[in-house]
Amino acid sequence: MYVVELSFDDNPDRLAHRPAHREKLREQREQGVVVMAGPWGDDTGALLIVDIDDAEELERLLEDDPYYRAPGVTIVSKRQWAPVIR
């Protein structure tokens, strides 16, 4: 699994990308790729947990969604995660 942390700034342009991004997340959830995703309570960023095998697959997933490159969105970290309890 991998965990991706996002940070948002005040640029409103990212909001134009959000509906398509959320639809893509729903599709990825149905495919078993996205485990959980959502914004922080104060909307300063978000967390994405994905069930994928390697960093190359993570990069493809992030490249496939323009939201991750939208103005106002910064990828803060991408970390492999090994949960003990599922």
PDB file of N, CA and C in Angstrom:
ATOM      1  N   MET A   1       0.836  -1.180   0.000  1.00  0.00           N
ATOM      2  CA  MET A   1       0.000   0.000   0.000  1.00  0.00           C
ATOM      3  C   MET A   1       0.879   1.241   0.000  1.00  0.00           C
ATOM      4  N   TYR A   2       0.275   2.324  -0.454  1.00  0.00           N
ATOM      5  CA  TYR A   2       0.946   3.628  -0.437  1.00  0.00           C
ATOM      6  C   TYR A   2      -0.003   4.668   0.136  1.00  0.00           C
ATOM      7  N   VAL A   3       0.593   5.663   0.791  1.00  0.00           N
ATOM      8  CA  VAL A   3      -0.145   6.798   1.340  1.00  0.00           C
ATOM      9  C   VAL A   3       0.393   8.053   0.657  1.00  0.00           C
ATOM     10  N   VAL A   4      -0.538   8.861   0.154  1.00  0.00           N
ATOM     11  CA  VAL A   4      -0.175  10.110  -0.508  1.00  0.00           C
ATOM     12  C   VAL A   4      -0.814  11.247   0.281  1.00  0.00           C
ATOM     13  N   GLU A   5       0.007  12.223   0.665  1.00  0.00           N
ATOM     14  CA  GLU A   5      -0.510  13.395   1.367  1.00  0.00           C
ATOM     15  C   GLU A   5      -0.463  14.594   0.436  1.00  0.00           C
ATOM     16  N   LEU A   6      -1.569  15.311   0.368  1.00  0.00           N
ATOM     17  CA  LEU A   6      -1.682  16.506  -0.457  1.00  0.00           C
ATOM     18  C   LEU A   6      -1.804  17.739   0.427  1.00  0.00           C
ATOM     19  N   SER A   7      -1.373  18.854  -0.122  1.00  0.00           N
ATOM     20  CA  SER A   7      -1.557  20.153   0.528  1.00  0.00           C
ATOM     21  C   SER A   7      -2.280  21.053  -0.468  1.00  0.00           C
ATOM     22  N   PHE A   8      -3.208  21.861   0.040  1.00  0.00           N
ATOM     23  CA  PHE A   8      -3.948  22.797  -0.801  1.00  0.00           C
ATOM     24  C   PHE A   8      -3.609  24.221  -0.384  1.00  0.00           C
ATOM     25  N   ASP A   9      -3.475  25.116  -1.384  1.00  0.00           N
ATOM     26  CA  ASP A   9      -3.363  26.528  -1.049  1.00  0.00           C
ATOM     27  C   ASP A   9      -4.674  27.221  -1.407  1.00  0.00           C
ATOM     28  N   ASP A  10      -4.685  28.521  -1.404  1.00  0.00           N
ATOM     29  CA  ASP A  10      -5.934  29.263  -1.605  1.00  0.00           C
ATOM     30  C   ASP A  10      -6.340  29.413  -3.074  1.00  0.00           C
ATOM     31  N   ASN A  11      -5.591  28.848  -3.988  1.00  0.00           N
ATOM     32  CA  ASN A  11      -5.913  28.975  -5.407  1.00  0.00           C
ATOM     33  C   ASN A  11      -7.243  28.267  -5.701  1.00  0.00           C
ATOM     34  N   PRO A  12      -8.255  28.993  -6.149  1.00  0.00           N
ATOM     35  CA  PRO A  12      -9.567  28.388  -6.391  1.00  0.00           C
ATOM     36  C   PRO A  12      -9.621  27.523  -7.659  1.00  0.00           C
ATOM     37  N   ASP A  13      -8.580  27.572  -8.503  1.00  0.00           N
ATOM     38  CA  ASP A  13      -8.586  26.807  -9.755  1.00  0.00           C
ATOM     39  C   ASP A  13      -8.671  25.298  -9.532  1.00  0.00           C
ATOM     40  N   ARG A  14      -8.176  24.830  -8.395  1.00  0.00           N
ATOM     41  CA  ARG A  14      -8.213  23.381  -8.141  1.00  0.00           C
ATOM     42  C   ARG A  14      -9.650  22.869  -8.051  1.00  0.00           C
ATOM     43  N   LEU A  15     -10.568  23.719  -7.630  1.00  0.00           N
ATOM     44  CA  LEU A  15     -11.956  23.298  -7.455  1.00  0.00           C
ATOM     45  C   LEU A  15     -12.608  22.906  -8.776  1.00  0.00           C
ATOM     46  N   ALA A  16     -12.141  23.472  -9.880  1.00  0.00           N
ATOM     47  CA  ALA A  16     -12.677  23.103 -11.193  1.00  0.00           C
ATOM     48  C   ALA A  16     -12.340  21.659 -11.548  1.00  0.00           C
ATOM     49  N   HIS A  17     -11.252  21.143 -11.004  1.00  0.00           N
ATOM     50  CA  HIS A  17     -10.810  19.770 -11.272  1.00  0.00           C
ATOM     51  C   HIS A  17     -11.419  18.748 -10.313  1.00  0.00           C
ATOM     52  N   ARG A  18     -12.010  19.219  -9.237  1.00  0.00           N
ATOM     53  CA  ARG A  18     -12.447  18.316  -8.165  1.00  0.00           C
ATOM     54  C   ARG A  18     -13.559  17.344  -8.559  1.00  0.00           C
ATOM     55  N   PRO A  19     -14.611  17.759  -9.284  1.00  0.00           N
ATOM     56  CA  PRO A  19     -15.663  16.781  -9.621  1.00  0.00           C
ATOM     57  C   PRO A  19     -15.134  15.577 -10.418  1.00  0.00           C
ATOM     58  N   ALA A  20     -14.305  15.829 -11.426  1.00  0.00           N
ATOM     59  CA  ALA A  20     -13.745  14.725 -12.213  1.00  0.00           C
ATOM     60  C   ALA A  20     -12.812  13.876 -11.358  1.00  0.00           C
ATOM     61  N   HIS A  21     -12.075  14.516 -10.470  1.00  0.00           N
ATOM     62  CA  HIS A  21     -11.174  13.800  -9.562  1.00  0.00           C
ATOM     63  C   HIS A  21     -11.957  12.865  -8.647  1.00  0.00           C
ATOM     64  N   ARG A  22     -13.025  13.360  -8.085  1.00  0.00           N
ATOM     65  CA  ARG A  22     -13.820  12.519  -7.173  1.00  0.00           C
ATOM     66  C   ARG A  22     -14.490  11.362  -7.907  1.00  0.00           C
ATOM     67  N   GLU A  23     -14.886  11.578  -9.145  1.00  0.00           N
ATOM     68  CA  GLU A  23     -15.447  10.474  -9.939  1.00  0.00           C
ATOM     69  C   GLU A  23     -14.368   9.429 -10.204  1.00  0.00           C
ATOM     70  N   LYS A  24     -13.171   9.869 -10.523  1.00  0.00           N
ATOM     71  CA  LYS A  24     -12.060   8.936 -10.744  1.00  0.00           C
ATOM     72  C   LYS A  24     -11.768   8.153  -9.469  1.00  0.00           C
ATOM     73  N   LEU A  25     -11.806   8.818  -8.310  1.00  0.00           N
ATOM     74  CA  LEU A  25     -11.592   8.121  -7.042  1.00  0.00           C
ATOM     75  C   LEU A  25     -12.651   7.052  -6.814  1.00  0.00           C
ATOM     76  N   ARG A  26     -13.910   7.365  -7.148  1.00  0.00           N
ATOM     77  CA  ARG A  26     -14.990   6.371  -6.988  1.00  0.00           C
ATOM     78  C   ARG A  26     -14.732   5.144  -7.873  1.00  0.00           C
ATOM     79  N   GLU A  27     -14.308   5.384  -9.099  1.00  0.00           N
ATOM     80  CA  GLU A  27     -13.999   4.274 -10.011  1.00  0.00           C
ATOM     81  C   GLU A  27     -12.839   3.444  -9.478  1.00  0.00           C
ATOM     82  N   GLN A  28     -11.808   4.116  -8.990  1.00  0.00           N
ATOM     83  CA  GLN A  28     -10.653   3.407  -8.447  1.00  0.00           C
ATOM     84  C   GLN A  28     -11.018   2.643  -7.183  1.00  0.00           C
ATOM     85  N   ARG A  29     -11.954   3.145  -6.419  1.00  0.00           N
ATOM     86  CA  ARG A  29     -12.445   2.440  -5.230  1.00  0.00           C
ATOM     87  C   ARG A  29     -13.164   1.155  -5.649  1.00  0.00           C
ATOM     88  N   GLU A  30     -14.012   1.266  -6.669  1.00  0.00           N
ATOM     89  CA  GLU A  30     -14.732   0.086  -7.174  1.00  0.00           C
ATOM     90  C   GLU A  30     -13.772  -0.972  -7.711  1.00  0.00           C
ATOM     91  N   GLN A  31     -12.627  -0.542  -8.243  1.00  0.00           N
ATOM     92  CA  GLN A  31     -11.620  -1.463  -8.773  1.00  0.00           C
ATOM     93  C   GLN A  31     -10.732  -2.044  -7.674  1.00  0.00           C
ATOM     94  N   GLY A  32     -10.902  -1.565  -6.445  1.00  0.00           N
ATOM     95  CA  GLY A  32     -10.107  -2.052  -5.333  1.00  0.00           C
ATOM     96  C   GLY A  32      -8.754  -1.386  -5.194  1.00  0.00           C
ATOM     97  N   VAL A  33      -8.536  -0.288  -5.909  1.00  0.00           N
ATOM     98  CA  VAL A  33      -7.255   0.413  -5.857  1.00  0.00           C
ATOM     99  C   VAL A  33      -7.241   1.430  -4.719  1.00  0.00           C
ATOM    100  N   VAL A  34      -8.246   2.273  -4.652  1.00  0.00           N
ATOM    101  CA  VAL A  34      -8.325   3.274  -3.590  1.00  0.00           C
ATOM    102  C   VAL A  34      -8.982   2.646  -2.362  1.00  0.00           C
ATOM    103  N   VAL A  35      -8.302   2.700  -1.249  1.00  0.00           N
ATOM    104  CA  VAL A  35      -8.827   2.180   0.013  1.00  0.00           C
ATOM    105  C   VAL A  35      -9.621   3.269   0.719  1.00  0.00           C
ATOM    106  N   MET A  36      -9.014   4.436   0.840  1.00  0.00           N
ATOM    107  CA  MET A  36      -9.655   5.595   1.468  1.00  0.00           C
ATOM    108  C   MET A  36      -9.074   6.853   0.843  1.00  0.00           C
ATOM    109  N   ALA A  37      -9.872   7.908   0.825  1.00  0.00           N
ATOM    110  CA  ALA A  37      -9.397   9.200   0.332  1.00  0.00           C
ATOM    111  C   ALA A  37     -10.307  10.284   0.871  1.00  0.00           C
ATOM    112  N   GLY A  38      -9.724  11.436   1.153  1.00  0.00           N
ATOM    113  CA  GLY A  38     -10.544  12.549   1.596  1.00  0.00           C
ATOM    114  C   GLY A  38      -9.723  13.691   2.131  1.00  0.00           C
ATOM    115  N   PRO A  39     -10.360  14.864   2.215  1.00  0.00           N
ATOM    116  CA  PRO A  39      -9.666  16.059   2.684  1.00  0.00           C
ATOM    117  C   PRO A  39      -9.564  16.093   4.209  1.00  0.00           C
ATOM    118  N   TRP A  40      -8.573  16.859   4.666  1.00  0.00           N
ATOM    119  CA  TRP A  40      -8.505  17.157   6.090  1.00  0.00           C
ATOM    120  C   TRP A  40      -9.729  17.981   6.463  1.00  0.00           C
ATOM    121  N   GLY A  41     -10.106  17.974   7.699  1.00  0.00           N
ATOM    122  CA  GLY A  41     -11.286  18.689   8.161  1.00  0.00           C
ATOM    123  C   GLY A  41     -11.253  20.177   7.886  1.00  0.00           C
ATOM    124  N   ASP A  42     -10.056  20.749   7.840  1.00  0.00           N
ATOM    125  CA  ASP A  42      -9.937  22.189   7.576  1.00  0.00           C
ATOM    126  C   ASP A  42      -9.672  22.494   6.103  1.00  0.00           C
ATOM    127  N   ASP A  43      -9.722  21.482   5.246  1.00  0.00           N
ATOM    128  CA  ASP A  43      -9.550  21.598   3.795  1.00  0.00           C
ATOM    129  C   ASP A  43      -8.197  22.207   3.396  1.00  0.00           C
ATOM    130  N   THR A  44      -7.158  21.952   4.200  1.00  0.00           N
ATOM    131  CA  THR A  44      -5.811  22.416   3.851  1.00  0.00           C
ATOM    132  C   THR A  44      -5.036  21.355   3.079  1.00  0.00           C
ATOM    133  N   GLY A  45      -5.646  20.211   2.867  1.00  0.00           N
ATOM    134  CA  GLY A  45      -4.994  19.117   2.163  1.00  0.00           C
ATOM    135  C   GLY A  45      -5.845  17.877   2.229  1.00  0.00           C
ATOM    136  N   ALA A  46      -5.247  16.748   1.858  1.00  0.00           N
ATOM    137  CA  ALA A  46      -5.997  15.493   1.821  1.00  0.00           C
ATOM    138  C   ALA A  46      -5.047  14.321   1.979  1.00  0.00           C
ATOM    139  N   LEU A  47      -5.635  13.161   2.203  1.00  0.00           N
ATOM    140  CA  LEU A  47      -4.891  11.914   2.328  1.00  0.00           C
ATOM    141  C   LEU A  47      -5.515  10.889   1.405  1.00  0.00           C
ATOM    142  N   LEU A  48      -4.673  10.122   0.744  1.00  0.00           N
ATOM    143  CA  LEU A  48      -5.099   9.077  -0.179  1.00  0.00           C
ATOM    144  C   LEU A  48      -4.366   7.800   0.197  1.00  0.00           C
ATOM    145  N   ILE A  49      -5.094   6.719   0.409  1.00  0.00           N
ATOM    146  CA  ILE A  49      -4.498   5.413   0.696  1.00  0.00           C
ATOM    147  C   ILE A  49      -4.871   4.492  -0.450  1.00  0.00           C
ATOM    148  N   VAL A  50      -3.845   3.926  -1.105  1.00  0.00           N
ATOM    149  CA  VAL A  50      -4.084   3.072  -2.267  1.00  0.00           C
ATOM    150  C   VAL A  50      -3.439   1.710  -2.064  1.00  0.00           C
ATOM    151  N   ASP A  51      -4.095   0.698  -2.572  1.00  0.00           N
ATOM    152  CA  ASP A  51      -3.612  -0.678  -2.478  1.00  0.00           C
ATOM    153  C   ASP A  51      -3.015  -1.060  -3.825  1.00  0.00           C
ATOM    154  N   ILE A  52      -1.729  -0.741  -3.981  1.00  0.00           N
ATOM    155  CA  ILE A  52      -0.996  -1.041  -5.207  1.00  0.00           C
ATOM    156  C   ILE A  52       0.339  -1.668  -4.851  1.00  0.00           C
ATOM    157  N   ASP A  53       1.005  -2.237  -5.847  1.00  0.00           N
ATOM    158  CA  ASP A  53       2.193  -3.046  -5.594  1.00  0.00           C
ATOM    159  C   ASP A  53       3.510  -2.286  -5.538  1.00  0.00           C
ATOM    160  N   ASP A  54       3.656  -1.228  -6.341  1.00  0.00           N
ATOM    161  CA  ASP A  54       4.970  -0.598  -6.399  1.00  0.00           C
ATOM    162  C   ASP A  54       4.871   0.887  -6.742  1.00  0.00           C
ATOM    163  N   ALA A  55       6.004   1.556  -6.620  1.00  0.00           N
ATOM    164  CA  ALA A  55       6.065   3.006  -6.829  1.00  0.00           C
ATOM    165  C   ALA A  55       5.735   3.384  -8.268  1.00  0.00           C
ATOM    166  N   GLU A  56       6.091   2.542  -9.231  1.00  0.00           N
ATOM    167  CA  GLU A  56       5.781   2.847 -10.625  1.00  0.00           C
ATOM    168  C   GLU A  56       4.269   2.865 -10.851  1.00  0.00           C
ATOM    169  N   GLU A  57       3.573   1.940 -10.242  1.00  0.00           N
ATOM    170  CA  GLU A  57       2.116   1.908 -10.350  1.00  0.00           C
ATOM    171  C   GLU A  57       1.497   3.146  -9.692  1.00  0.00           C
ATOM    172  N   LEU A  58       2.078   3.582  -8.575  1.00  0.00           N
ATOM    173  CA  LEU A  58       1.608   4.800  -7.918  1.00  0.00           C
ATOM    174  C   LEU A  58       1.785   6.001  -8.839  1.00  0.00           C
ATOM    175  N   GLU A  59       2.930   6.100  -9.484  1.00  0.00           N
ATOM    176  CA  GLU A  59       3.187   7.226 -10.390  1.00  0.00           C
ATOM    177  C   GLU A  59       2.194   7.233 -11.547  1.00  0.00           C
ATOM    178  N   ARG A  60       1.872   6.067 -12.089  1.00  0.00           N
ATOM    179  CA  ARG A  60       0.870   5.989 -13.168  1.00  0.00           C
ATOM    180  C   ARG A  60      -0.495   6.464 -12.674  1.00  0.00           C
ATOM    181  N   LEU A  61      -0.872   6.056 -11.466  1.00  0.00           N
ATOM    182  CA  LEU A  61      -2.147   6.467 -10.901  1.00  0.00           C
ATOM    183  C   LEU A  61      -2.210   7.986 -10.744  1.00  0.00           C
ATOM    184  N   LEU A  62      -1.136   8.592 -10.256  1.00  0.00           N
ATOM    185  CA  LEU A  62      -1.106  10.035 -10.058  1.00  0.00           C
ATOM    186  C   LEU A  62      -1.069  10.785 -11.389  1.00  0.00           C
ATOM    187  N   GLU A  63      -0.369  10.240 -12.367  1.00  0.00           N
ATOM    188  CA  GLU A  63      -0.303  10.870 -13.695  1.00  0.00           C
ATOM    189  C   GLU A  63      -1.658  10.826 -14.406  1.00  0.00           C
ATOM    190  N   ASP A  64      -2.452   9.820 -14.114  1.00  0.00           N
ATOM    191  CA  ASP A  64      -3.733   9.621 -14.797  1.00  0.00           C
ATOM    192  C   ASP A  64      -4.813  10.606 -14.350  1.00  0.00           C
ATOM    193  N   ASP A  65      -4.570  11.341 -13.281  1.00  0.00           N
ATOM    194  CA  ASP A  65      -5.575  12.258 -12.737  1.00  0.00           C
ATOM    195  C   ASP A  65      -5.006  13.679 -12.703  1.00  0.00           C
ATOM    196  N   PRO A  66      -5.508  14.570 -13.580  1.00  0.00           N
ATOM    197  CA  PRO A  66      -4.989  15.947 -13.636  1.00  0.00           C
ATOM    198  C   PRO A  66      -5.110  16.722 -12.323  1.00  0.00           C
ATOM    199  N   TYR A  67      -5.970  16.275 -11.426  1.00  0.00           N
ATOM    200  CA  TYR A  67      -6.144  16.985 -10.149  1.00  0.00           C
ATOM    201  C   TYR A  67      -4.822  17.114  -9.397  1.00  0.00           C
ATOM    202  N   TYR A  68      -3.994  16.082  -9.480  1.00  0.00           N
ATOM    203  CA  TYR A  68      -2.738  16.095  -8.729  1.00  0.00           C
ATOM    204  C   TYR A  68      -1.733  17.113  -9.275  1.00  0.00           C
ATOM    205  N   ARG A  69      -1.997  17.652 -10.462  1.00  0.00           N
ATOM    206  CA  ARG A  69      -1.154  18.691 -11.056  1.00  0.00           C
ATOM    207  C   ARG A  69      -1.874  20.034 -11.137  1.00  0.00           C
ATOM    208  N   ALA A  70      -3.069  20.098 -10.590  1.00  0.00           N
ATOM    209  CA  ALA A  70      -3.880  21.324 -10.671  1.00  0.00           C
ATOM    210  C   ALA A  70      -3.254  22.441  -9.838  1.00  0.00           C
ATOM    211  N   PRO A  71      -3.452  23.691 -10.276  1.00  0.00           N
ATOM    212  CA  PRO A  71      -2.994  24.820  -9.465  1.00  0.00           C
ATOM    213  C   PRO A  71      -3.632  24.742  -8.073  1.00  0.00           C
ATOM    214  N   GLY A  72      -2.818  24.923  -7.059  1.00  0.00           N
ATOM    215  CA  GLY A  72      -3.331  24.879  -5.696  1.00  0.00           C
ATOM    216  C   GLY A  72      -3.175  23.534  -5.013  1.00  0.00           C
ATOM    217  N   VAL A  73      -2.741  22.503  -5.767  1.00  0.00           N
ATOM    218  CA  VAL A  73      -2.561  21.165  -5.196  1.00  0.00           C
ATOM    219  C   VAL A  73      -1.072  20.818  -5.237  1.00  0.00           C
ATOM    220  N   THR A  74      -0.532  20.427  -4.095  1.00  0.00           N
ATOM    221  CA  THR A  74       0.859  19.999  -4.002  1.00  0.00           C
ATOM    222  C   THR A  74       0.906  18.613  -3.369  1.00  0.00           C
ATOM    223  N   ILE A  75       1.644  17.723  -3.971  1.00  0.00           N
ATOM    224  CA  ILE A  75       1.886  16.411  -3.354  1.00  0.00           C
ATOM    225  C   ILE A  75       3.011  16.602  -2.343  1.00  0.00           C
ATOM    226  N   VAL A  76       2.668  16.444  -1.076  1.00  0.00           N
ATOM    227  CA  VAL A  76       3.617  16.655   0.016  1.00  0.00           C
ATOM    228  C   VAL A  76       4.488  15.428   0.214  1.00  0.00           C
ATOM    229  N   SER A  77       3.862  14.244   0.185  1.00  0.00           N
ATOM    230  CA  SER A  77       4.629  13.017   0.381  1.00  0.00           C
ATOM    231  C   SER A  77       3.924  11.837  -0.273  1.00  0.00           C
ATOM    232  N   LYS A  78       4.749  10.871  -0.652  1.00  0.00           N
ATOM    233  CA  LYS A  78       4.289   9.577  -1.174  1.00  0.00           C
ATOM    234  C   LYS A  78       5.108   8.536  -0.426  1.00  0.00           C
ATOM    235  N   ARG A  79       4.424   7.738   0.381  1.00  0.00           N
ATOM    236  CA  ARG A  79       5.155   6.781   1.214  1.00  0.00           C
ATOM    237  C   ARG A  79       4.546   5.401   1.128  1.00  0.00           C
ATOM    238  N   GLN A  80       5.406   4.410   1.067  1.00  0.00           N
ATOM    239  CA  GLN A  80       4.929   3.039   1.144  1.00  0.00           C
ATOM    240  C   GLN A  80       4.498   2.784   2.582  1.00  0.00           C
ATOM    241  N   TRP A  81       3.409   2.033   2.713  1.00  0.00           N
ATOM    242  CA  TRP A  81       2.839   1.796   4.031  1.00  0.00           C
ATOM    243  C   TRP A  81       2.550   0.313   4.171  1.00  0.00           C
ATOM    244  N   ALA A  82       2.868  -0.237   5.332  1.00  0.00           N
ATOM    245  CA  ALA A  82       2.659  -1.655   5.603  1.00  0.00           C
ATOM    246  C   ALA A  82       1.743  -1.796   6.817  1.00  0.00           C
ATOM    247  N   PRO A  83       0.418  -1.693   6.609  1.00  0.00           N
ATOM    248  CA  PRO A  83      -0.490  -1.778   7.754  1.00  0.00           C
ATOM    249  C   PRO A  83      -0.423  -3.150   8.418  1.00  0.00           C
ATOM    250  N   VAL A  84      -0.493  -3.135   9.723  1.00  0.00           N
ATOM    251  CA  VAL A  84      -0.482  -4.373  10.504  1.00  0.00           C
ATOM    252  C   VAL A  84      -1.898  -4.912  10.649  1.00  0.00           C
ATOM    253  N   ILE A  85      -2.855  -4.028  10.778  1.00  0.00           N
ATOM    254  CA  ILE A  85      -4.262  -4.399  10.932  1.00  0.00           C
ATOM    255  C   ILE A  85      -5.037  -3.838   9.762  1.00  0.00           C
ATOM    256  N   ARG A  86      -5.854  -4.679   9.138  1.00  0.00           N
ATOM    257  CA  ARG A  86      -6.674  -4.245   7.997  1.00  0.00           C
ATOM    258  C   ARG A  86      -8.116  -4.516   8.285  1.00  0.00           C
TER     259      ARG A  86
END
